[in-house]
Structure formats: structure tokens, C-alpha cells
N, C-alpha and C. Protein backbone atom coordinates (compact mmCIF):
# COMPACT_ATOMS: atom_id res chain seq x y z
N MET A 1 -91.88 -118.33 282.67
CA MET A 1 -91.08 -116.98 282.92
C MET A 1 -91.45 -115.99 283.75
N ALA A 2 -90.85 -115.36 284.44
CA ALA A 2 -90.92 -114.40 285.71
C ALA A 2 -91.88 -113.55 285.16
N GLU A 3 -92.62 -112.92 286.16
CA GLU A 3 -93.45 -111.67 285.96
C GLU A 3 -92.24 -110.45 285.37
N ALA A 4 -92.67 -109.41 284.60
CA ALA A 4 -92.12 -108.22 284.20
C ALA A 4 -91.87 -107.63 285.46
N GLN A 5 -90.73 -106.92 285.58
CA GLN A 5 -90.48 -106.18 286.45
C GLN A 5 -90.48 -104.63 286.13
N ILE A 6 -91.17 -103.69 286.48
CA ILE A 6 -91.04 -102.33 286.15
C ILE A 6 -90.69 -101.44 287.19
N ILE A 7 -89.73 -100.56 287.16
CA ILE A 7 -89.22 -99.65 288.05
C ILE A 7 -89.60 -98.28 287.65
N LEU A 8 -89.96 -97.66 288.33
CA LEU A 8 -90.83 -96.16 288.36
C LEU A 8 -90.51 -95.32 289.75
N PRO A 9 -90.10 -93.96 289.46
CA PRO A 9 -90.22 -93.47 290.77
C PRO A 9 -91.32 -93.20 291.83
N ARG A 10 -91.38 -93.35 292.74
CA ARG A 10 -92.46 -93.46 293.79
C ARG A 10 -92.33 -92.23 294.91
N CYS A 11 -93.34 -91.81 295.34
CA CYS A 11 -93.24 -90.95 296.37
C CYS A 11 -93.05 -91.51 297.95
N GLN A 12 -92.25 -91.20 298.35
CA GLN A 12 -92.10 -92.00 300.05
C GLN A 12 -92.81 -91.55 300.86
N ASP A 13 -93.38 -90.36 300.54
CA ASP A 13 -94.30 -89.64 301.72
C ASP A 13 -96.01 -90.29 301.23
N CYS A 14 -96.19 -90.18 299.89
CA CYS A 14 -97.69 -90.54 299.85
C CYS A 14 -97.99 -91.65 299.04
N GLY A 15 -96.66 -92.13 298.42
CA GLY A 15 -96.87 -93.28 297.67
C GLY A 15 -97.22 -93.36 296.26
N ALA A 16 -97.28 -91.89 295.72
CA ALA A 16 -97.70 -91.88 294.62
C ALA A 16 -97.01 -92.29 293.07
N VAL A 17 -97.04 -92.75 292.31
CA VAL A 17 -95.95 -93.12 291.37
C VAL A 17 -95.94 -91.74 290.59
N GLN A 18 -94.72 -91.56 290.15
CA GLN A 18 -94.13 -90.24 289.34
C GLN A 18 -93.88 -90.56 287.97
N TYR A 19 -95.00 -90.92 287.12
CA TYR A 19 -94.32 -90.78 285.58
C TYR A 19 -95.10 -89.71 285.01
N PRO A 20 -94.61 -88.98 283.73
CA PRO A 20 -92.86 -89.03 283.84
C PRO A 20 -92.37 -88.78 284.83
N PRO A 21 -91.08 -89.07 285.04
CA PRO A 21 -90.39 -88.61 286.28
C PRO A 21 -90.22 -87.28 286.98
N ARG A 22 -90.18 -86.95 288.00
CA ARG A 22 -90.27 -85.51 288.48
C ARG A 22 -89.57 -85.56 289.65
N GLU A 23 -89.00 -84.41 290.25
CA GLU A 23 -88.19 -84.08 291.40
C GLU A 23 -89.35 -83.95 292.58
N VAL A 24 -90.51 -83.46 292.24
CA VAL A 24 -91.31 -83.00 293.53
C VAL A 24 -92.60 -84.09 292.93
N CYS A 25 -93.33 -84.45 294.08
CA CYS A 25 -94.41 -85.44 293.92
C CYS A 25 -95.69 -84.61 293.24
N ARG A 26 -96.23 -85.24 292.40
CA ARG A 26 -97.42 -84.40 291.66
C ARG A 26 -98.36 -84.57 292.71
N ARG A 27 -98.62 -85.27 293.60
CA ARG A 27 -99.70 -85.31 294.59
C ARG A 27 -99.52 -84.40 295.56
N CYS A 28 -98.28 -84.62 296.71
CA CYS A 28 -98.09 -83.86 298.05
C CYS A 28 -97.16 -83.19 298.02
N LEU A 29 -96.56 -83.06 296.71
CA LEU A 29 -95.37 -81.86 296.68
C LEU A 29 -94.02 -82.45 297.43
N GLY A 30 -94.31 -83.49 298.00
CA GLY A 30 -92.89 -84.05 298.61
C GLY A 30 -91.76 -84.11 297.51
N ALA A 31 -90.68 -84.08 298.61
CA ALA A 31 -89.33 -84.48 297.59
C ALA A 31 -88.57 -85.49 297.65
N SER A 32 -89.24 -86.54 298.63
CA SER A 32 -88.73 -87.85 298.81
C SER A 32 -88.94 -88.56 297.95
N ILE A 33 -88.27 -88.88 296.66
CA ILE A 33 -88.81 -89.86 295.36
C ILE A 33 -87.90 -90.66 295.24
N ALA A 34 -88.22 -92.25 295.33
CA ALA A 34 -87.10 -93.03 295.07
C ALA A 34 -87.75 -93.98 294.05
N PRO A 35 -86.90 -94.85 293.38
CA PRO A 35 -87.26 -96.07 292.30
C PRO A 35 -87.97 -96.99 293.57
N ALA A 36 -88.87 -97.53 292.69
CA ALA A 36 -89.69 -98.61 293.38
C ALA A 36 -90.53 -99.48 292.11
N GLU A 37 -90.54 -100.50 292.57
CA GLU A 37 -91.34 -101.65 291.68
C GLU A 37 -92.98 -101.48 291.59
N VAL A 38 -93.39 -101.44 290.23
CA VAL A 38 -94.65 -101.29 290.15
C VAL A 38 -95.37 -102.41 289.54
N ASP A 39 -96.56 -102.61 289.99
CA ASP A 39 -97.11 -103.88 289.07
C ASP A 39 -97.11 -103.58 287.41
N ALA A 40 -96.63 -104.51 286.77
CA ALA A 40 -96.51 -104.37 285.06
C ALA A 40 -97.95 -104.87 284.52
N ARG A 41 -98.61 -104.99 285.33
CA ARG A 41 -100.14 -105.66 284.40
C ARG A 41 -101.05 -104.23 284.49
N GLY A 42 -101.74 -104.21 283.59
CA GLY A 42 -102.76 -102.85 283.24
C GLY A 42 -103.74 -103.40 282.20
N GLU A 43 -104.20 -102.33 281.94
CA GLU A 43 -105.03 -102.38 280.79
C GLU A 43 -104.88 -101.16 279.62
N LEU A 44 -105.19 -101.61 278.51
CA LEU A 44 -105.05 -100.77 277.49
C LEU A 44 -105.99 -99.90 277.27
N LEU A 45 -105.80 -98.58 277.42
CA LEU A 45 -106.90 -97.53 277.44
C LEU A 45 -107.57 -97.10 275.96
N SER A 46 -106.52 -96.89 274.90
CA SER A 46 -106.55 -96.42 273.66
C SER A 46 -105.50 -96.95 272.98
N TRP A 47 -105.54 -96.79 271.34
CA TRP A 47 -104.18 -97.06 270.67
C TRP A 47 -104.75 -96.54 269.15
N THR A 48 -103.46 -96.31 268.67
CA THR A 48 -103.26 -96.34 267.32
C THR A 48 -102.32 -96.65 266.09
N ALA A 49 -102.38 -96.88 265.00
CA ALA A 49 -101.23 -97.34 264.05
C ALA A 49 -100.68 -96.48 263.40
N LEU A 50 -99.67 -96.31 263.48
CA LEU A 50 -98.65 -95.56 262.57
C LEU A 50 -98.60 -96.23 261.21
N HIS A 51 -98.62 -95.15 260.39
CA HIS A 51 -98.71 -96.14 258.72
C HIS A 51 -97.50 -95.36 257.68
N VAL A 52 -96.84 -94.34 258.24
CA VAL A 52 -95.69 -93.86 257.79
C VAL A 52 -94.75 -93.74 258.98
N SER A 53 -93.59 -93.80 258.87
CA SER A 53 -92.22 -93.27 259.51
C SER A 53 -91.18 -92.93 258.62
N HIS A 54 -90.70 -92.11 259.25
CA HIS A 54 -89.19 -91.36 258.85
C HIS A 54 -88.04 -92.45 259.49
N GLU A 55 -88.23 -93.02 260.19
CA GLU A 55 -87.39 -94.18 260.93
C GLU A 55 -86.88 -95.39 259.87
N PRO A 56 -86.11 -95.33 259.00
CA PRO A 56 -85.79 -96.45 257.95
C PRO A 56 -86.11 -97.77 258.80
N ALA A 57 -85.86 -98.28 259.81
CA ALA A 57 -85.86 -99.03 260.20
C ALA A 57 -87.31 -99.87 260.52
N LEU A 58 -88.20 -98.70 260.72
CA LEU A 58 -89.95 -99.53 260.92
C LEU A 58 -90.18 -99.33 259.72
N ARG A 59 -89.77 -98.89 258.60
CA ARG A 59 -90.71 -98.71 257.36
C ARG A 59 -91.37 -100.20 257.09
N ASP A 60 -90.25 -101.34 257.22
CA ASP A 60 -90.90 -102.56 256.96
C ASP A 60 -91.84 -103.19 257.83
N HIS A 61 -91.84 -102.51 259.07
CA HIS A 61 -92.97 -103.11 260.18
C HIS A 61 -94.12 -102.30 260.42
N LEU A 62 -94.52 -101.67 259.50
CA LEU A 62 -95.75 -100.68 259.63
C LEU A 62 -97.12 -101.55 259.07
N PRO A 63 -97.93 -101.39 259.63
CA PRO A 63 -98.44 -100.31 260.26
C PRO A 63 -97.65 -100.82 261.86
N TRP A 64 -97.46 -99.62 262.19
CA TRP A 64 -96.90 -100.11 263.83
C TRP A 64 -97.85 -99.19 265.15
N ARG A 65 -98.00 -100.21 265.65
CA ARG A 65 -99.27 -99.91 266.56
C ARG A 65 -98.65 -99.40 268.26
N ILE A 66 -99.12 -98.18 268.73
CA ILE A 66 -98.60 -97.63 270.00
C ILE A 66 -100.06 -97.44 270.70
N GLY A 67 -99.95 -97.71 271.80
CA GLY A 67 -101.38 -97.22 272.87
C GLY A 67 -101.01 -96.87 274.42
N LEU A 68 -101.73 -96.14 274.72
CA LEU A 68 -101.83 -95.74 276.21
C LEU A 68 -102.27 -96.93 277.14
N VAL A 69 -101.61 -97.12 278.01
CA VAL A 69 -101.84 -98.32 278.99
C VAL A 69 -101.98 -97.68 280.61
N LYS A 70 -102.89 -98.14 281.25
CA LYS A 70 -103.08 -97.49 282.46
C LYS A 70 -102.61 -98.40 283.65
N LEU A 71 -101.51 -98.48 284.46
CA LEU A 71 -101.08 -99.59 285.56
C LEU A 71 -102.04 -99.48 286.46
N GLY A 72 -101.90 -100.50 287.36
CA GLY A 72 -102.53 -100.60 288.60
C GLY A 72 -102.52 -99.67 289.48
N ASP A 73 -101.27 -99.10 289.38
CA ASP A 73 -100.91 -98.18 290.17
C ASP A 73 -101.53 -96.55 289.73
N GLY A 74 -102.40 -96.88 288.78
CA GLY A 74 -103.02 -95.52 288.30
C GLY A 74 -102.48 -94.80 287.20
N VAL A 75 -101.00 -95.14 287.22
CA VAL A 75 -100.18 -94.19 286.15
C VAL A 75 -100.31 -94.78 284.88
N VAL A 76 -100.60 -93.96 283.95
CA VAL A 76 -100.53 -93.91 282.73
C VAL A 76 -99.42 -93.54 281.76
N LEU A 77 -98.99 -94.64 280.90
CA LEU A 77 -97.76 -94.14 280.04
C LEU A 77 -98.23 -94.90 278.34
N TYR A 78 -97.39 -94.48 277.70
CA TYR A 78 -97.32 -95.09 276.06
C TYR A 78 -96.43 -96.31 276.17
N ALA A 79 -96.95 -97.03 275.51
CA ALA A 79 -95.97 -98.16 274.90
C ALA A 79 -96.20 -98.78 273.33
N HIS A 80 -94.80 -99.14 272.91
CA HIS A 80 -95.30 -100.01 271.82
C HIS A 80 -96.19 -101.37 272.11
N LEU A 81 -97.17 -101.55 271.32
CA LEU A 81 -97.99 -102.94 271.25
C LEU A 81 -97.50 -103.78 270.38
N CYS A 82 -97.55 -104.92 271.12
CA CYS A 82 -97.54 -106.29 270.11
C CYS A 82 -98.70 -107.60 270.77
N MET A 83 -99.97 -107.09 270.18
CA MET A 83 -101.11 -107.43 270.29
C MET A 83 -101.70 -107.89 269.12
N ALA A 84 -102.23 -109.24 268.94
CA ALA A 84 -103.19 -109.48 267.72
C ALA A 84 -104.47 -108.67 267.36
N GLU A 85 -105.07 -108.17 268.44
CA GLU A 85 -106.35 -107.74 268.45
C GLU A 85 -106.51 -106.89 269.32
N PRO A 86 -105.78 -105.41 269.33
CA PRO A 86 -105.66 -104.54 270.30
C PRO A 86 -107.33 -104.02 270.52
N ARG A 87 -107.47 -103.73 271.87
CA ARG A 87 -108.98 -102.84 271.88
C ARG A 87 -108.80 -102.35 273.24
N ALA A 88 -109.67 -101.42 273.35
CA ALA A 88 -109.83 -100.64 274.65
C ALA A 88 -110.35 -101.49 275.68
N GLY A 89 -109.42 -101.50 277.08
CA GLY A 89 -109.84 -102.24 277.99
C GLY A 89 -109.17 -103.76 278.03
N ALA A 90 -108.40 -104.21 276.97
CA ALA A 90 -108.03 -105.41 277.06
C ALA A 90 -106.72 -105.54 278.20
N PRO A 91 -106.39 -106.56 278.74
CA PRO A 91 -105.31 -106.70 279.83
C PRO A 91 -104.26 -106.72 279.30
N VAL A 92 -103.27 -106.17 279.56
CA VAL A 92 -101.88 -106.11 279.08
C VAL A 92 -100.87 -106.58 280.27
N SER A 93 -99.85 -106.90 279.54
CA SER A 93 -98.62 -106.65 280.59
C SER A 93 -97.63 -106.11 280.11
N LEU A 94 -96.87 -105.27 280.86
CA LEU A 94 -96.02 -104.12 280.45
C LEU A 94 -94.37 -104.90 280.44
N HIS A 95 -93.51 -104.62 279.41
CA HIS A 95 -92.10 -105.18 279.62
C HIS A 95 -91.40 -103.86 278.98
N THR A 96 -89.86 -103.92 279.76
CA THR A 96 -89.34 -102.76 279.40
C THR A 96 -88.16 -103.55 277.68
N GLY A 97 -87.51 -102.86 277.34
CA GLY A 97 -86.74 -102.84 276.40
C GLY A 97 -85.76 -101.61 275.72
N ARG A 98 -84.91 -101.88 274.88
CA ARG A 98 -83.98 -100.77 274.37
C ARG A 98 -84.35 -100.86 273.02
N ASP A 99 -84.48 -99.67 272.14
CA ASP A 99 -84.79 -99.57 270.79
C ASP A 99 -83.53 -99.55 270.41
N LEU A 100 -83.70 -99.25 268.69
CA LEU A 100 -82.22 -99.47 268.03
C LEU A 100 -81.35 -98.46 268.30
N HIS A 101 -81.83 -97.49 268.91
CA HIS A 101 -81.33 -95.94 269.35
C HIS A 101 -80.55 -96.40 270.90
N GLY A 102 -80.89 -97.36 271.92
CA GLY A 102 -80.41 -97.55 272.90
C GLY A 102 -81.49 -96.98 273.88
N ARG A 103 -82.64 -96.35 273.28
CA ARG A 103 -83.58 -95.45 274.27
C ARG A 103 -84.44 -96.55 275.22
N ASP A 104 -84.96 -96.27 276.26
CA ASP A 104 -85.33 -97.19 277.03
C ASP A 104 -87.03 -97.16 276.34
N VAL A 105 -87.57 -97.99 276.14
CA VAL A 105 -88.99 -98.13 275.73
C VAL A 105 -89.92 -99.33 276.38
N PHE A 106 -91.11 -99.01 276.84
CA PHE A 106 -92.09 -99.92 276.99
C PHE A 106 -93.05 -100.75 276.09
N VAL A 107 -92.99 -101.95 276.31
CA VAL A 107 -94.00 -102.69 275.26
C VAL A 107 -94.80 -103.47 276.12
N ALA A 108 -95.86 -103.70 275.56
CA ALA A 108 -97.57 -103.68 276.03
C ALA A 108 -97.96 -105.20 275.38
N VAL A 109 -98.17 -106.10 275.82
CA VAL A 109 -98.25 -107.49 275.19
C VAL A 109 -99.41 -107.92 275.86
N GLU A 110 -100.21 -108.87 275.04
CA GLU A 110 -101.49 -109.68 275.84
C GLU A 110 -100.73 -110.58 276.86
N PRO A 111 -101.67 -111.02 278.14
CA PRO A 111 -101.18 -112.13 278.79
C PRO A 111 -100.44 -113.30 278.08
N GLY A 112 -99.09 -113.87 278.61
CA GLY A 112 -98.66 -114.86 277.79
C GLY A 112 -98.34 -114.70 276.71
N GLY A 113 -97.92 -113.23 276.23
CA GLY A 113 -97.78 -112.90 274.69
C GLY A 113 -96.05 -112.82 274.57
N LEU A 114 -95.36 -112.31 275.83
CA LEU A 114 -93.85 -111.93 275.77
C LEU A 114 -93.30 -112.54 274.59
N GLU A 115 -93.16 -114.11 274.53
CA GLU A 115 -92.48 -114.62 273.46
C GLU A 115 -92.38 -114.51 272.03
N ARG A 116 -93.90 -114.01 271.92
CA ARG A 116 -94.42 -113.74 270.48
C ARG A 116 -93.82 -112.33 270.25
N ALA A 117 -93.85 -111.44 271.33
CA ALA A 117 -93.34 -110.12 271.09
C ALA A 117 -91.69 -110.04 270.97
N ARG A 118 -91.20 -110.88 271.82
CA ARG A 118 -89.69 -110.99 271.52
C ARG A 118 -89.33 -111.58 270.12
N THR A 119 -89.80 -112.27 269.34
CA THR A 119 -89.80 -112.89 268.19
C THR A 119 -90.20 -111.71 267.11
N ALA A 120 -91.49 -111.05 267.61
CA ALA A 120 -91.99 -110.30 266.36
C ALA A 120 -90.90 -108.93 266.33
N LEU A 121 -90.32 -108.81 267.44
CA LEU A 121 -89.89 -107.13 267.49
C LEU A 121 -88.65 -107.36 267.54
N ARG A 122 -87.91 -108.48 267.35
CA ARG A 122 -86.53 -108.75 267.55
C ARG A 122 -85.77 -108.02 266.80
N PRO A 123 -85.75 -107.45 265.45
CA PRO A 123 -84.91 -106.76 264.85
C PRO A 123 -85.07 -105.26 265.40
N LEU A 124 -85.84 -104.87 266.22
CA LEU A 124 -86.09 -103.39 266.66
C LEU A 124 -86.08 -103.10 268.07
N ILE A 125 -86.52 -103.94 268.93
CA ILE A 125 -86.08 -103.84 270.34
C ILE A 125 -85.67 -105.26 271.05
N GLU A 126 -84.83 -104.69 271.80
CA GLU A 126 -83.93 -105.75 272.94
C GLU A 126 -84.68 -105.62 274.03
N PHE A 127 -85.25 -106.81 274.62
CA PHE A 127 -85.89 -106.97 275.69
C PHE A 127 -84.95 -107.05 276.95
N SER A 128 -85.54 -106.32 278.20
CA SER A 128 -84.49 -106.44 279.24
C SER A 128 -84.64 -107.61 280.01
């Protein structure tokens, strides 16, 4: 399977990835920001499990794990986790999908774990 492709805004002046997206670079204040591919590999910084949800579709899938992922470009973002044993420092690959409401989401999986995630999260997330 092909490596995941993650597109995030990047400053064309200094190269800093802009996440969350913004109009002016967080590092150099430049205004030349354009979509760019970033490395989808990173590490899990921390995680937690949600044990209660007001979202009816999630209730049958609790506990629901979410975590902070640091990508190789230095950007930190949160993602849904589909990992057997999440632990800080674990290598992950990031993938994109859409939730039940059509919102773009990130999903972090263990290396080689995309097919497991596709199966486990099928009712809730459609992968790109």
C-alpha cells in the first residue's frame, strides 16, 4: 500500500508548516502560504481515552482513543488513534478520512496498521 499523503499549508518563504492553517506564517510572518505535502510519519506524544460521548454513533465504540502526534516537520496535531497499545514515543503514520458528518479528520495508526484501522473504524470514518 502506498505511503499516506498529508497536505498542509507551508510557508513558501521559510518552509514552516502552518497547522492549524493561518494566513500569515507563525515563524516569519510571511504571507506566501501554499498547500504542500508533509511527511505522514511521526510519533505519539500523548493520548487519552474518552469513556463518555454525546455522539450516538460513538457510544458503541467507547473507549475512544485520541492523541497528540508530532510529525517529522515538527507540527503537532491531534488524531483519532487506532493502535493496540498506545504509548508515548510510539512511531505512527498519519492518514486522513472523513467522519460521519463529513468533517476531515486525522487517524494515527501503528506502522502497517492501516488495514486494521480501515476495518475497525469503517462504521465511523471513511478513509481517503
